[in-house]
C-alpha atoms as a PDB file:
ATOM      1  CA  UNK A   1      11.840  10.407 -29.088  1.00  0.00           C
ATOM      2  CA  UNK A   2       8.754   8.449 -30.004  1.00  0.00           C
ATOM      3  CA  UNK A   3       8.774   4.785 -29.313  1.00  0.00           C
ATOM      4  CA  UNK A   4      11.387   4.679 -26.523  1.00  0.00           C
ATOM      5  CA  UNK A   5      11.063   1.985 -23.969  1.00  0.00           C
ATOM      6  CA  UNK A   6       9.953   3.540 -20.714  1.00  0.00           C
ATOM      7  CA  UNK A   7      10.035   7.063 -21.776  1.00  0.00           C
ATOM      8  CA  UNK A   8      10.397   9.634 -18.841  1.00  0.00           C
ATOM      9  CA  UNK A   9       7.620  12.048 -19.909  1.00  0.00           C
ATOM     10  CA  UNK A  10       5.839  13.665 -17.102  1.00  0.00           C
ATOM     11  CA  UNK A  11       2.336  12.441 -17.383  1.00  0.00           C
ATOM     12  CA  UNK A  12       0.122  14.144 -14.841  1.00  0.00           C
ATOM     13  CA  UNK A  13      -3.165  12.069 -15.845  1.00  0.00           C
ATOM     14  CA  UNK A  14      -1.188   8.802 -15.528  1.00  0.00           C
ATOM     15  CA  UNK A  15       0.206  10.034 -12.102  1.00  0.00           C
ATOM     16  CA  UNK A  16      -3.213  11.119 -10.666  1.00  0.00           C
ATOM     17  CA  UNK A  17      -4.914   7.787 -11.912  1.00  0.00           C
ATOM     18  CA  UNK A  18      -2.256   5.697 -10.214  1.00  0.00           C
ATOM     19  CA  UNK A  19      -2.707   7.787  -6.953  1.00  0.00           C
ATOM     20  CA  UNK A  20      -6.407   7.115  -7.049  1.00  0.00           C
ATOM     21  CA  UNK A  21      -6.106   3.425  -8.000  1.00  0.00           C
ATOM     22  CA  UNK A  22      -3.520   3.060  -5.001  1.00  0.00           C
ATOM     23  CA  UNK A  23      -5.943   4.710  -2.645  1.00  0.00           C
ATOM     24  CA  UNK A  24      -8.621   2.276  -3.747  1.00  0.00           C
ATOM     25  CA  UNK A  25      -6.416  -0.648  -3.256  1.00  0.00           C
ATOM     26  CA  UNK A  26      -5.331   0.538   0.106  1.00  0.00           C
ATOM     27  CA  UNK A  27      -8.774   1.145   1.418  1.00  0.00           C
ATOM     28  CA  UNK A  28     -10.265  -1.794  -0.268  1.00  0.00           C
ATOM     29  CA  UNK A  29      -7.799  -4.223   1.120  1.00  0.00           C
ATOM     30  CA  UNK A  30      -7.598  -2.637   4.621  1.00  0.00           C
ATOM     31  CA  UNK A  31     -11.587  -2.797   4.497  1.00  0.00           C
ATOM     32  CA  UNK A  32     -11.199  -6.562   3.667  1.00  0.00           C
ATOM     33  CA  UNK A  33      -8.648  -7.094   6.377  1.00  0.00           C
ATOM     34  CA  UNK A  34     -10.754  -5.381   8.934  1.00  0.00           C
ATOM     35  CA  UNK A  35     -13.856  -7.253   8.035  1.00  0.00           C
ATOM     36  CA  UNK A  36     -11.846 -10.508   8.480  1.00  0.00           C
ATOM     37  CA  UNK A  37     -10.981  -9.364  11.945  1.00  0.00           C
ATOM     38  CA  UNK A  38     -14.428  -8.282  12.809  1.00  0.00           C
ATOM     39  CA  UNK A  39     -15.839 -11.633  11.693  1.00  0.00           C
ATOM     40  CA  UNK A  40     -12.945 -13.371  13.955  1.00  0.00           C
ATOM     41  CA  UNK A  41     -14.121 -11.225  16.726  1.00  0.00           C
ATOM     42  CA  UNK A  42     -17.739 -11.035  16.177  1.00  0.00           C
ATOM     43  CA  UNK A  43     -17.567  -7.425  16.326  1.00  0.00           C
ATOM     44  CA  UNK A  44     -19.466  -4.709  14.518  1.00  0.00           C
ATOM     45  CA  UNK A  45     -17.685  -3.022  11.629  1.00  0.00           C
ATOM     46  CA  UNK A  46     -17.036   0.628  11.943  1.00  0.00           C
ATOM     47  CA  UNK A  47     -15.325   3.403  10.166  1.00  0.00           C
ATOM     48  CA  UNK A  48     -13.541   4.109  13.541  1.00  0.00           C
ATOM     49  CA  UNK A  49     -11.410   1.119  12.917  1.00  0.00           C
ATOM     50  CA  UNK A  50     -10.135   2.642   9.754  1.00  0.00           C
ATOM     51  CA  UNK A  51      -9.905   6.234  10.735  1.00  0.00           C
ATOM     52  CA  UNK A  52      -9.775   6.709  14.514  1.00  0.00           C
ATOM     53  CA  UNK A  53      -6.200   6.708  15.671  1.00  0.00           C
ATOM     54  CA  UNK A  54      -7.187   5.800  19.231  1.00  0.00           C
ATOM     55  CA  UNK A  55      -8.443   2.293  18.343  1.00  0.00           C
ATOM     56  CA  UNK A  56      -4.972   0.916  17.502  1.00  0.00           C
ATOM     57  CA  UNK A  57      -3.266  -0.098  20.660  1.00  0.00           C
ATOM     58  CA  UNK A  58      -1.525  -3.118  22.522  1.00  0.00           C
ATOM     59  CA  UNK A  59      -4.023  -3.035  25.400  1.00  0.00           C
ATOM     60  CA  UNK A  60      -7.193  -4.788  23.738  1.00  0.00           C
ATOM     61  CA  UNK A  61      -7.363  -7.765  21.511  1.00  0.00           C
ATOM     62  CA  UNK A  62      -9.251  -5.606  18.882  1.00  0.00           C
ATOM     63  CA  UNK A  63      -6.639  -2.961  18.838  1.00  0.00           C
ATOM     64  CA  UNK A  64      -3.997  -5.763  18.343  1.00  0.00           C
ATOM     65  CA  UNK A  65      -5.917  -7.504  15.627  1.00  0.00           C
ATOM     66  CA  UNK A  66      -6.508  -3.892  13.887  1.00  0.00           C
ATOM     67  CA  UNK A  67      -2.789  -3.300  13.926  1.00  0.00           C
ATOM     68  CA  UNK A  68      -2.272  -6.673  12.394  1.00  0.00           C
ATOM     69  CA  UNK A  69      -4.974  -5.804   9.652  1.00  0.00           C
ATOM     70  CA  UNK A  70      -2.916  -2.555   9.001  1.00  0.00           C
ATOM     71  CA  UNK A  71       0.489  -4.552   8.565  1.00  0.00           C
ATOM     72  CA  UNK A  72      -1.333  -7.291   6.534  1.00  0.00           C
ATOM     73  CA  UNK A  73      -2.705  -4.201   4.371  1.00  0.00           C
ATOM     74  CA  UNK A  74       0.894  -3.013   3.772  1.00  0.00           C
ATOM     75  CA  UNK A  75       1.903  -6.623   2.240  1.00  0.00           C
ATOM     76  CA  UNK A  76      -1.361  -6.481   0.098  1.00  0.00           C
ATOM     77  CA  UNK A  77      -0.654  -2.765  -1.012  1.00  0.00           C
ATOM     78  CA  UNK A  78       3.017  -3.880  -1.908  1.00  0.00           C
ATOM     79  CA  UNK A  79       1.461  -6.142  -4.439  1.00  0.00           C
ATOM     80  CA  UNK A  80      -0.663  -3.316  -5.638  1.00  0.00           C
ATOM     81  CA  UNK A  81       2.625  -1.436  -6.332  1.00  0.00           C
ATOM     82  CA  UNK A  82       4.079  -4.393  -8.300  1.00  0.00           C
ATOM     83  CA  UNK A  83       0.850  -4.659 -10.491  1.00  0.00           C
ATOM     84  CA  UNK A  84      -0.095  -0.970 -11.001  1.00  0.00           C
ATOM     85  CA  UNK A  85       2.979   1.155 -10.415  1.00  0.00           C
ATOM     86  CA  UNK A  86       5.673  -1.355 -11.741  1.00  0.00           C
ATOM     87  CA  UNK A  87       8.549   1.046 -11.200  1.00  0.00           C
ATOM     88  CA  UNK A  88      10.892   0.415  -8.326  1.00  0.00           C
ATOM     89  CA  UNK A  89      12.021   4.222  -8.160  1.00  0.00           C
ATOM     90  CA  UNK A  90       8.373   5.203  -7.667  1.00  0.00           C
ATOM     91  CA  UNK A  91       7.416   2.742  -4.798  1.00  0.00           C
ATOM     92  CA  UNK A  92       8.274   5.063  -1.972  1.00  0.00           C
ATOM     93  CA  UNK A  93       6.607   8.090  -3.468  1.00  0.00           C
ATOM     94  CA  UNK A  94       3.339   6.177  -3.895  1.00  0.00           C
ATOM     95  CA  UNK A  95       3.722   4.646  -0.406  1.00  0.00           C
ATOM     96  CA  UNK A  96       4.098   7.845   1.234  1.00  0.00           C
ATOM     97  CA  UNK A  97       1.389   9.521  -0.942  1.00  0.00           C
ATOM     98  CA  UNK A  98      -1.161   6.928   0.095  1.00  0.00           C
ATOM     99  CA  UNK A  99      -0.121   7.331   3.965  1.00  0.00           C
ATOM    100  CA  UNK A 100      -0.382  10.987   3.622  1.00  0.00           C
ATOM    101  CA  UNK A 101      -3.867  10.931   2.307  1.00  0.00           C
ATOM    102  CA  UNK A 102      -4.755   8.502   5.097  1.00  0.00           C
ATOM    103  CA  UNK A 103      -3.427  11.026   7.492  1.00  0.00           C
ATOM    104  CA  UNK A 104      -5.616  13.641   5.947  1.00  0.00           C
ATOM    105  CA  UNK A 105      -8.646  11.323   6.115  1.00  0.00           C
ATOM    106  CA  UNK A 106      -8.036  10.337   9.851  1.00  0.00           C
ATOM    107  CA  UNK A 107      -7.665  13.949  10.493  1.00  0.00           C
ATOM    108  CA  UNK A 108     -10.812  14.987   8.642  1.00  0.00           C
ATOM    109  CA  UNK A 109     -12.548  12.005  10.160  1.00  0.00           C
ATOM    110  CA  UNK A 110     -12.002  12.479  13.852  1.00  0.00           C
ATOM    111  CA  UNK A 111     -11.754  16.344  13.608  1.00  0.00           C
ATOM    112  CA  UNK A 112      -8.386  16.162  15.593  1.00  0.00           C
ATOM    113  CA  UNK A 113      -4.745  15.603  14.517  1.00  0.00           C
ATOM    114  CA  UNK A 114      -3.702  11.817  15.196  1.00  0.00           C
ATOM    115  CA  UNK A 115      -1.563  12.085  18.401  1.00  0.00           C
ATOM    116  CA  UNK A 116      -1.547   8.384  19.498  1.00  0.00           C
ATOM    117  CA  UNK A 117       1.891   7.122  19.488  1.00  0.00           C
ATOM    118  CA  UNK A 118       0.786   3.554  18.517  1.00  0.00           C
ATOM    119  CA  UNK A 119      -1.029   4.851  15.241  1.00  0.00           C
ATOM    120  CA  UNK A 120       2.391   6.763  14.339  1.00  0.00           C
ATOM    121  CA  UNK A 121       4.439   3.540  15.054  1.00  0.00           C
ATOM    122  CA  UNK A 122       1.856   1.419  12.953  1.00  0.00           C
ATOM    123  CA  UNK A 123       1.856   3.829  10.134  1.00  0.00           C
ATOM    124  CA  UNK A 124       5.745   4.082  10.065  1.00  0.00           C
ATOM    125  CA  UNK A 125       5.971   0.098   9.978  1.00  0.00           C
ATOM    126  CA  UNK A 126       3.403  -0.020   7.254  1.00  0.00           C
ATOM    127  CA  UNK A 127       5.129   2.572   5.255  1.00  0.00           C
ATOM    128  CA  UNK A 128       8.679   0.744   5.538  1.00  0.00           C
ATOM    129  CA  UNK A 129       6.915  -2.675   4.699  1.00  0.00           C
ATOM    130  CA  UNK A 130       4.983  -1.429   1.777  1.00  0.00           C
ATOM    131  CA  UNK A 131       7.976   0.701   0.210  1.00  0.00           C
ATOM    132  CA  UNK A 132      10.530  -2.055   0.826  1.00  0.00           C
ATOM    133  CA  UNK A 133       8.636  -5.045  -0.241  1.00  0.00           C
ATOM    134  CA  UNK A 134       6.861  -3.279  -3.144  1.00  0.00           C
ATOM    135  CA  UNK A 135      10.389  -2.021  -4.384  1.00  0.00           C
ATOM    136  CA  UNK A 136      11.670  -5.457  -4.114  1.00  0.00           C
ATOM    137  CA  UNK A 137       9.019  -6.909  -6.067  1.00  0.00           C
ATOM    138  CA  UNK A 138       9.334  -4.332  -8.793  1.00  0.00           C
ATOM    139  CA  UNK A 139      12.963  -4.543  -9.034  1.00  0.00           C
ATOM    140  CA  UNK A 140      12.583  -8.364  -9.515  1.00  0.00           C
ATOM    141  CA  UNK A 141      10.488  -7.797 -12.402  1.00  0.00           C
ATOM    142  CA  UNK A 142      12.663  -5.048 -13.929  1.00  0.00           C
ATOM    143  CA  UNK A 143      15.695  -7.060 -13.697  1.00  0.00           C
ATOM    144  CA  UNK A 144      14.280 -10.115 -15.495  1.00  0.00           C
ATOM    145  CA  UNK A 145      15.938 -11.125 -18.810  1.00  0.00           C
ATOM    146  CA  UNK A 146      14.505  -9.813 -22.048  1.00  0.00           C
ATOM    147  CA  UNK A 147      14.401 -12.549 -24.590  1.00  0.00           C
ATOM    148  CA  UNK A 148      16.069 -11.774 -27.770  1.00  0.00           C
ATOM    149  CA  UNK A 149      14.145 -14.196 -30.153  1.00  0.00           C
ATOM    150  CA  UNK A 150      11.460 -16.568 -29.527  1.00  0.00           C
ATOM    151  CA  UNK A 151      13.131 -19.547 -31.234  1.00  0.00           C
ATOM    152  CA  UNK A 152      14.160 -22.426 -28.943  1.00  0.00           C
ATOM    153  CA  UNK A 153      17.736 -22.714 -28.168  1.00  0.00           C
ATOM    154  CA  UNK A 154      19.806 -25.465 -29.847  1.00  0.00           C
ATOM    155  CA  UNK A 155      22.547 -27.373 -27.968  1.00  0.00           C
ATOM    156  CA  UNK A 156      26.019 -26.585 -29.688  1.00  0.00           C
END
């Protein structure tokens, strides 16, 4: 059926490009949040902040601020879901996919599977925030009224 509104044709090129785009949004905004944290702490930026599971923790100020960066990044990525995915039903799928690739990146970068409990807790909170807020924002736009005509309404 050609010309159908939001047809449900499986388009692997679109899906792959959305995955790549969301990964770019994830790492780009996480890099900006971590750069802000480094600027506040006058620390030196490092890929360890992004990919080392041992950095996150409650015991040091840099660990707490890095956790805050991950949580703020989840909020930023929820906006990415709104602007680039635009489907409430797909928000959880893309959120889990982004975090799965982040898990693989952390595993590859540090040459060991992430075992820190705080890393897993932060990732679970970020998945929940990103999926729920992204779905809420997408559902709000999906439920907007569709105007039937562009003429101004007259008072009857």
